[in-house]
Amino acid sequence: MSALRLASAGAAVVGASFGMARYGYGLLLPDMRAAFGLATGTLGVIAAGSYLAYLLATLAAGAFAARLGTRTVVLTGGACAAAGMLLIAVASGPAALAAGVLVAGVSSGLVFPPFADAVALEVAPPQRARVLAVISSGTGYGVALAAPVAIVAGAAWRAVLVVVGVASLLGGGAAELMRRAGARSAFAGVALALGASLGLLALAPASLGLALVSAVLFGAAYNLLLAMQGIWSSRVFAERPSTGLAAVMFTLGCGLPLGPLIAGPLADRTGLQPLLLSAAALLAATGVLGPRERLVEA
């Protein structure tokens, strides 16, 4: 399989599983809250369940890819994405909604790690980082395609998750950014940009202009960080790329279930501003720490 075909296939399946199946929950969150009469805390618990399913699937993805082959694992993840979205679409109550969100979470954990093996086997070394970055940026395509559907359904504010999706495509430039700026500097700058995106929302929540700037920063920075993590793990775990990427994704994702569980009840009590500012400060600290560049460049 050529590098272009592999990159295209990977971006498509990542877009469906992450951009649509997994992140579609956040895109439609206000509608779900209104339809089922759910509190923010309850919605946070459902989101935490999705993240937990994602972590468990990520943990198993490397082993499954080694035993069953990358194609089987990716196809299984794609099937989970379709099944999860179907369950959410026909849900008549919170239990069915939670089940759909859970299955959708499994899909995103399965589809990405196997591509690390596929890239290592099918792509020449000089092109591997660039192909992995393009595959990881598929999330942006999924969001950019899903958001207009939601807008047609009657929520114009979602024109902002469109901006996020389009900006996410900049994640495909992660390899070039790391080469030009150096891995440590690139990581630090992108982490600070991600923190700034949250800080803008906290300081000026009613400004559409700043919301659009925040959307651009968030979409680009978040997906650049994802791409960097994929490139880094493929180099450090060169002998077993999918297992290494799954391990990195699992480790970095351990905080995902905790975020909604903590943020949901706190948002009901304090509002979103303190939470956004705290998250921005944490990202700023992460940017200052940065990775050890010799590991990334090795």
Protein backbone atom coordinates (compact mmCIF):
# COMPACT_ATOMS: atom_id res chain seq x y z
CA MET A 1 0.00 0.00 0.00
CA SER A 2 1.38 3.41 -0.93
CA ALA A 3 2.00 6.10 1.67
CA LEU A 4 -0.80 8.21 0.20
CA ARG A 5 -3.36 5.39 0.32
CA LEU A 6 -2.39 4.47 3.88
CA ALA A 7 -2.56 8.08 5.04
CA SER A 8 -5.95 8.55 3.38
CA ALA A 9 -7.40 5.35 4.84
CA GLY A 10 -6.05 6.16 8.29
CA ALA A 11 -7.34 9.73 8.25
CA ALA A 12 -10.79 8.52 7.18
CA VAL A 13 -11.21 5.90 9.88
CA VAL A 14 -9.75 8.17 12.58
CA GLY A 15 -12.12 10.92 11.42
CA ALA A 16 -15.12 8.61 11.75
CA SER A 17 -14.16 7.13 15.12
CA PHE A 18 -12.72 10.19 16.87
CA GLY A 19 -14.23 13.15 15.04
CA MET A 20 -17.75 11.75 14.70
CA ALA A 21 -18.37 8.79 17.03
CA ARG A 22 -16.39 9.99 20.04
CA TYR A 23 -16.40 13.79 19.83
CA GLY A 24 -19.95 13.86 18.48
CA TYR A 25 -21.07 13.50 22.09
CA GLY A 26 -19.65 16.90 22.95
CA LEU A 27 -21.01 18.39 19.75
CA LEU A 28 -24.57 17.34 20.61
CA LEU A 29 -24.31 17.69 24.38
CA PRO A 30 -26.79 20.60 24.79
CA ASP A 31 -29.37 18.74 22.69
CA MET A 32 -28.94 15.56 24.72
CA ARG A 33 -29.23 17.46 27.98
CA ALA A 34 -32.49 19.04 26.81
CA ALA A 35 -33.92 15.85 25.32
CA PHE A 36 -33.30 13.66 28.36
CA GLY A 37 -33.38 16.28 31.12
CA LEU A 38 -29.90 15.39 32.35
CA ALA A 39 -27.80 17.41 34.78
CA THR A 40 -24.25 18.43 33.91
CA GLY A 41 -22.91 15.97 36.49
CA THR A 42 -24.78 13.07 34.86
CA LEU A 43 -23.47 14.04 31.45
CA GLY A 44 -19.99 14.07 32.97
CA VAL A 45 -20.44 10.52 34.26
CA ILE A 46 -21.48 9.35 30.78
CA ALA A 47 -18.45 11.07 29.26
CA ALA A 48 -16.21 9.43 31.87
CA GLY A 49 -17.61 6.03 30.90
CA SER A 50 -16.72 6.73 27.27
CA TYR A 51 -13.18 7.68 28.24
CA LEU A 52 -12.83 4.55 30.36
CA ALA A 53 -13.96 2.40 27.43
CA TYR A 54 -11.44 4.24 25.25
CA LEU A 55 -8.63 3.53 27.70
CA LEU A 56 -9.43 -0.17 28.00
CA ALA A 57 -9.68 -0.53 24.22
CA THR A 58 -6.39 1.34 23.79
CA LEU A 59 -4.74 -0.96 26.30
CA ALA A 60 -5.87 -4.01 24.32
CA ALA A 61 -5.30 -2.60 20.82
CA GLY A 62 -1.59 -3.38 20.62
CA ALA A 63 -2.01 -7.00 21.70
CA PHE A 64 -4.98 -7.48 19.36
CA ALA A 65 -3.03 -6.03 16.45
CA ALA A 66 -0.13 -8.41 17.10
CA ARG A 67 -2.44 -11.45 17.22
CA LEU A 68 -5.21 -10.64 14.77
CA GLY A 69 -3.52 -8.23 12.40
CA THR A 70 -3.92 -4.49 12.03
CA ARG A 71 -6.70 -4.71 9.43
CA THR A 72 -8.98 -6.77 11.70
CA VAL A 73 -8.54 -4.43 14.65
CA VAL A 74 -9.15 -1.32 12.54
CA LEU A 75 -12.28 -2.84 10.97
CA THR A 76 -13.57 -3.80 14.43
CA GLY A 77 -13.02 -0.25 15.62
CA GLY A 78 -14.85 1.12 12.60
CA ALA A 79 -17.78 -1.21 13.25
CA CYS A 80 -17.93 0.00 16.86
CA ALA A 81 -18.01 3.61 15.63
CA ALA A 82 -21.00 2.88 13.38
CA ALA A 83 -22.79 0.88 16.10
CA GLY A 84 -22.18 3.55 18.73
CA MET A 85 -23.54 6.35 16.57
CA LEU A 86 -26.58 4.24 15.67
CA LEU A 87 -27.33 3.53 19.35
CA ILE A 88 -27.04 7.24 20.19
CA ALA A 89 -29.33 8.16 17.28
CA VAL A 90 -32.14 5.80 18.35
CA ALA A 91 -31.69 6.20 22.13
CA SER A 92 -34.97 6.76 23.96
CA GLY A 93 -33.47 7.21 27.42
CA PRO A 94 -30.25 7.85 29.35
CA ALA A 95 -29.29 4.15 29.55
CA ALA A 96 -29.36 3.66 25.78
CA LEU A 97 -27.54 6.96 25.30
CA ALA A 98 -24.80 5.88 27.71
CA ALA A 99 -24.46 2.52 25.92
CA GLY A 100 -24.00 4.22 22.57
CA VAL A 101 -21.43 6.65 23.95
CA LEU A 102 -19.58 3.71 25.55
CA VAL A 103 -19.39 1.74 22.28
CA ALA A 104 -18.26 4.87 20.46
CA GLY A 105 -15.48 5.25 23.02
CA VAL A 106 -14.28 1.71 22.28
CA SER A 107 -14.00 2.54 18.57
CA SER A 108 -11.55 5.39 19.09
CA GLY A 109 -9.33 3.24 21.29
CA LEU A 110 -9.03 0.52 18.66
CA VAL A 111 -8.47 2.32 15.38
CA PHE A 112 -5.38 4.50 15.88
CA PRO A 113 -2.65 2.27 17.45
CA PRO A 114 -2.66 -0.38 14.67
CA PHE A 115 -1.70 2.24 12.12
CA ALA A 116 1.66 2.61 13.86
CA ASP A 117 2.45 -0.98 12.80
CA ALA A 118 1.04 -0.42 9.31
CA VAL A 119 3.15 2.69 8.78
CA ALA A 120 6.29 0.93 10.04
CA LEU A 121 5.72 -1.95 7.59
CA GLU A 122 4.49 -0.10 4.53
CA VAL A 123 6.13 3.35 4.54
CA ALA A 124 9.75 4.29 3.96
CA PRO A 125 11.45 5.77 7.07
CA PRO A 126 11.72 9.36 5.76
CA GLN A 127 7.94 9.52 5.26
CA ARG A 128 6.73 7.77 8.43
CA ALA A 129 6.44 10.80 10.69
CA ARG A 130 4.53 12.76 8.06
CA VAL A 131 2.09 9.87 7.39
CA LEU A 132 1.42 9.35 11.10
CA ALA A 133 0.75 13.07 11.51
CA VAL A 134 -1.76 13.04 8.63
CA ILE A 135 -3.54 10.00 10.06
CA SER A 136 -3.86 11.56 13.51
CA SER A 137 -5.24 14.77 12.01
CA GLY A 138 -8.18 12.79 10.61
CA THR A 139 -10.07 13.83 13.71
CA GLY A 140 -10.37 17.28 12.20
CA TYR A 141 -12.04 15.94 9.06
CA GLY A 142 -14.60 14.09 11.16
CA VAL A 143 -15.50 17.14 13.24
CA ALA A 144 -15.57 19.42 10.19
CA LEU A 145 -18.01 17.07 8.44
CA ALA A 146 -20.20 16.36 11.48
CA ALA A 147 -20.66 19.95 12.64
CA PRO A 148 -22.51 21.21 9.53
CA VAL A 149 -25.06 18.43 10.01
CA ALA A 150 -25.63 19.67 13.55
CA ILE A 151 -25.94 23.24 12.28
CA VAL A 152 -28.61 22.20 9.79
CA ALA A 153 -30.39 20.52 12.70
CA GLY A 154 -30.77 23.96 14.27
CA ALA A 155 -27.80 25.20 16.26
CA ALA A 156 -25.81 27.91 14.53
CA TRP A 157 -23.31 28.22 17.41
CA ARG A 158 -21.80 24.96 16.20
CA ALA A 159 -20.21 26.90 13.36
CA VAL A 160 -17.41 27.35 15.95
CA LEU A 161 -16.77 22.99 16.29
CA VAL A 162 -16.50 23.49 12.23
CA VAL A 163 -13.64 26.02 12.88
CA VAL A 164 -12.11 23.59 15.37
CA GLY A 165 -12.34 20.78 12.83
CA VAL A 166 -10.75 22.74 10.02
CA ALA A 167 -7.97 24.00 12.30
CA SER A 168 -7.37 20.41 13.42
CA LEU A 169 -6.08 19.62 9.95
CA LEU A 170 -2.96 21.61 10.83
CA GLY A 171 -2.00 18.59 12.94
CA GLY A 172 -0.75 17.07 9.70
CA GLY A 173 2.18 19.48 9.88
CA ALA A 174 3.50 18.10 13.18
CA ALA A 175 6.48 16.32 11.62
CA GLU A 176 7.62 19.45 9.80
CA LEU A 177 7.12 21.59 12.92
CA MET A 178 9.20 19.19 15.01
CA ARG A 179 11.94 19.14 12.37
CA ARG A 180 12.14 22.91 12.07
CA ALA A 181 11.62 24.01 15.68
CA GLY A 182 12.96 20.99 17.52
CA ALA A 183 10.76 18.58 19.43
CA ARG A 184 11.01 20.29 22.81
CA SER A 185 10.31 23.80 21.51
CA ALA A 186 7.46 22.56 19.31
CA PHE A 187 5.85 20.71 22.20
CA ALA A 188 6.17 23.66 24.57
CA GLY A 189 4.74 26.14 22.09
CA VAL A 190 1.80 23.94 21.17
CA ALA A 191 0.97 23.21 24.83
CA LEU A 192 0.97 26.94 25.58
CA ALA A 193 -1.29 27.57 22.57
CA LEU A 194 -3.73 24.95 23.84
CA GLY A 195 -3.77 26.59 27.26
CA ALA A 196 -4.35 29.98 25.66
CA SER A 197 -7.39 28.63 23.81
CA LEU A 198 -9.04 27.69 27.10
CA GLY A 199 -7.99 30.92 28.78
CA LEU A 200 -9.68 32.98 26.04
CA LEU A 201 -12.97 31.19 26.62
CA ALA A 202 -12.74 31.80 30.35
CA LEU A 203 -11.91 35.51 30.07
CA ALA A 204 -14.31 36.46 27.27
CA PRO A 205 -17.08 33.86 27.03
CA ALA A 206 -19.50 36.23 25.28
CA SER A 207 -17.16 37.31 22.48
CA LEU A 208 -17.78 35.48 19.20
CA GLY A 209 -14.53 36.79 17.73
CA LEU A 210 -12.42 35.46 20.60
CA ALA A 211 -14.39 32.22 20.56
CA LEU A 212 -13.34 31.73 16.93
CA VAL A 213 -9.71 32.50 17.80
CA SER A 214 -9.97 30.00 20.66
CA ALA A 215 -11.43 27.41 18.27
CA VAL A 216 -8.52 27.82 15.84
CA LEU A 217 -5.93 27.56 18.61
CA PHE A 218 -7.60 24.57 20.21
CA GLY A 219 -8.15 22.62 17.00
CA ALA A 220 -4.61 23.14 15.75
CA ALA A 221 -2.81 22.70 19.07
CA TYR A 222 -4.74 19.65 20.28
CA ASN A 223 -4.18 17.71 17.08
CA LEU A 224 -0.55 18.76 16.82
CA LEU A 225 -0.01 17.31 20.29
CA LEU A 226 -1.72 14.07 19.27
CA ALA A 227 0.45 13.81 16.17
CA MET A 228 3.61 14.51 18.17
CA GLN A 229 2.74 11.73 20.59
CA GLY A 230 2.30 9.31 17.68
CA ILE A 231 5.61 10.31 16.08
CA TRP A 232 7.45 10.14 19.40
CA SER A 233 6.15 6.68 20.30
CA SER A 234 6.86 5.27 16.83
CA ARG A 235 10.52 6.20 17.25
CA VAL A 236 10.95 5.12 20.86
CA PHE A 237 9.10 1.83 20.39
CA ALA A 238 10.37 1.11 16.89
CA GLU A 239 10.21 -2.69 17.30
CA ARG A 240 6.53 -2.75 18.32
CA PRO A 241 5.01 0.55 17.18
CA SER A 242 1.33 -0.23 17.79
CA THR A 243 1.96 -1.57 21.30
CA GLY A 244 4.11 1.44 22.12
CA LEU A 245 1.56 3.92 20.79
CA ALA A 246 -1.23 2.16 22.67
CA ALA A 247 0.80 2.35 25.89
CA VAL A 248 1.50 6.05 25.43
CA MET A 249 -2.15 6.78 24.61
CA PHE A 250 -3.28 4.81 27.66
CA THR A 251 -0.86 6.57 29.99
CA LEU A 252 -1.72 10.04 28.72
CA GLY A 253 -5.41 9.19 28.73
CA CYS A 254 -5.61 8.00 32.33
CA GLY A 255 -6.80 11.45 33.34
CA LEU A 256 -9.63 11.50 30.79
CA PRO A 257 -12.25 9.73 32.95
CA LEU A 258 -11.36 11.92 35.92
CA GLY A 259 -11.87 15.19 34.05
CA PRO A 260 -15.62 14.87 33.39
CA LEU A 261 -16.29 13.33 36.81
CA ILE A 262 -14.62 16.27 38.54
CA ALA A 263 -15.56 19.04 36.13
CA GLY A 264 -19.25 18.16 35.78
CA PRO A 265 -20.28 18.66 39.44
CA LEU A 266 -17.90 21.62 39.85
CA ALA A 267 -19.39 23.33 36.80
CA ASP A 268 -22.85 23.03 38.37
CA ARG A 269 -21.54 24.83 41.47
CA THR A 270 -18.95 27.34 40.27
CA GLY A 271 -19.54 27.74 36.54
CA LEU A 272 -17.05 26.99 33.79
CA GLN A 273 -14.70 29.98 34.18
CA PRO A 274 -12.65 28.66 37.14
CA LEU A 275 -12.34 25.24 35.48
CA LEU A 276 -11.15 26.70 32.20
CA LEU A 277 -8.58 28.91 33.91
CA SER A 278 -7.29 25.96 35.96
CA ALA A 279 -6.94 23.84 32.84
CA ALA A 280 -5.14 26.67 31.04
CA ALA A 281 -2.67 27.01 33.93
CA LEU A 282 -2.01 23.26 33.94
CA LEU A 283 -1.30 23.27 30.21
CA ALA A 284 1.04 26.23 30.61
CA ALA A 285 2.97 24.28 33.24
CA THR A 286 3.12 21.26 30.93
CA GLY A 287 4.54 23.41 28.18
CA VAL A 288 7.29 24.70 30.45
CA LEU A 289 8.26 21.17 31.49
CA GLY A 290 8.24 19.69 27.98
CA PRO A 291 9.67 16.31 26.90
CA ARG A 292 13.32 15.32 26.79
CA GLU A 293 14.17 16.12 23.21
CA ARG A 294 16.75 13.39 22.80
CA LEU A 295 14.03 10.76 23.23
CA VAL A 296 11.86 12.31 20.54
CA GLU A 297 14.61 12.85 18.03
CA ALA A 298 16.28 9.49 18.52
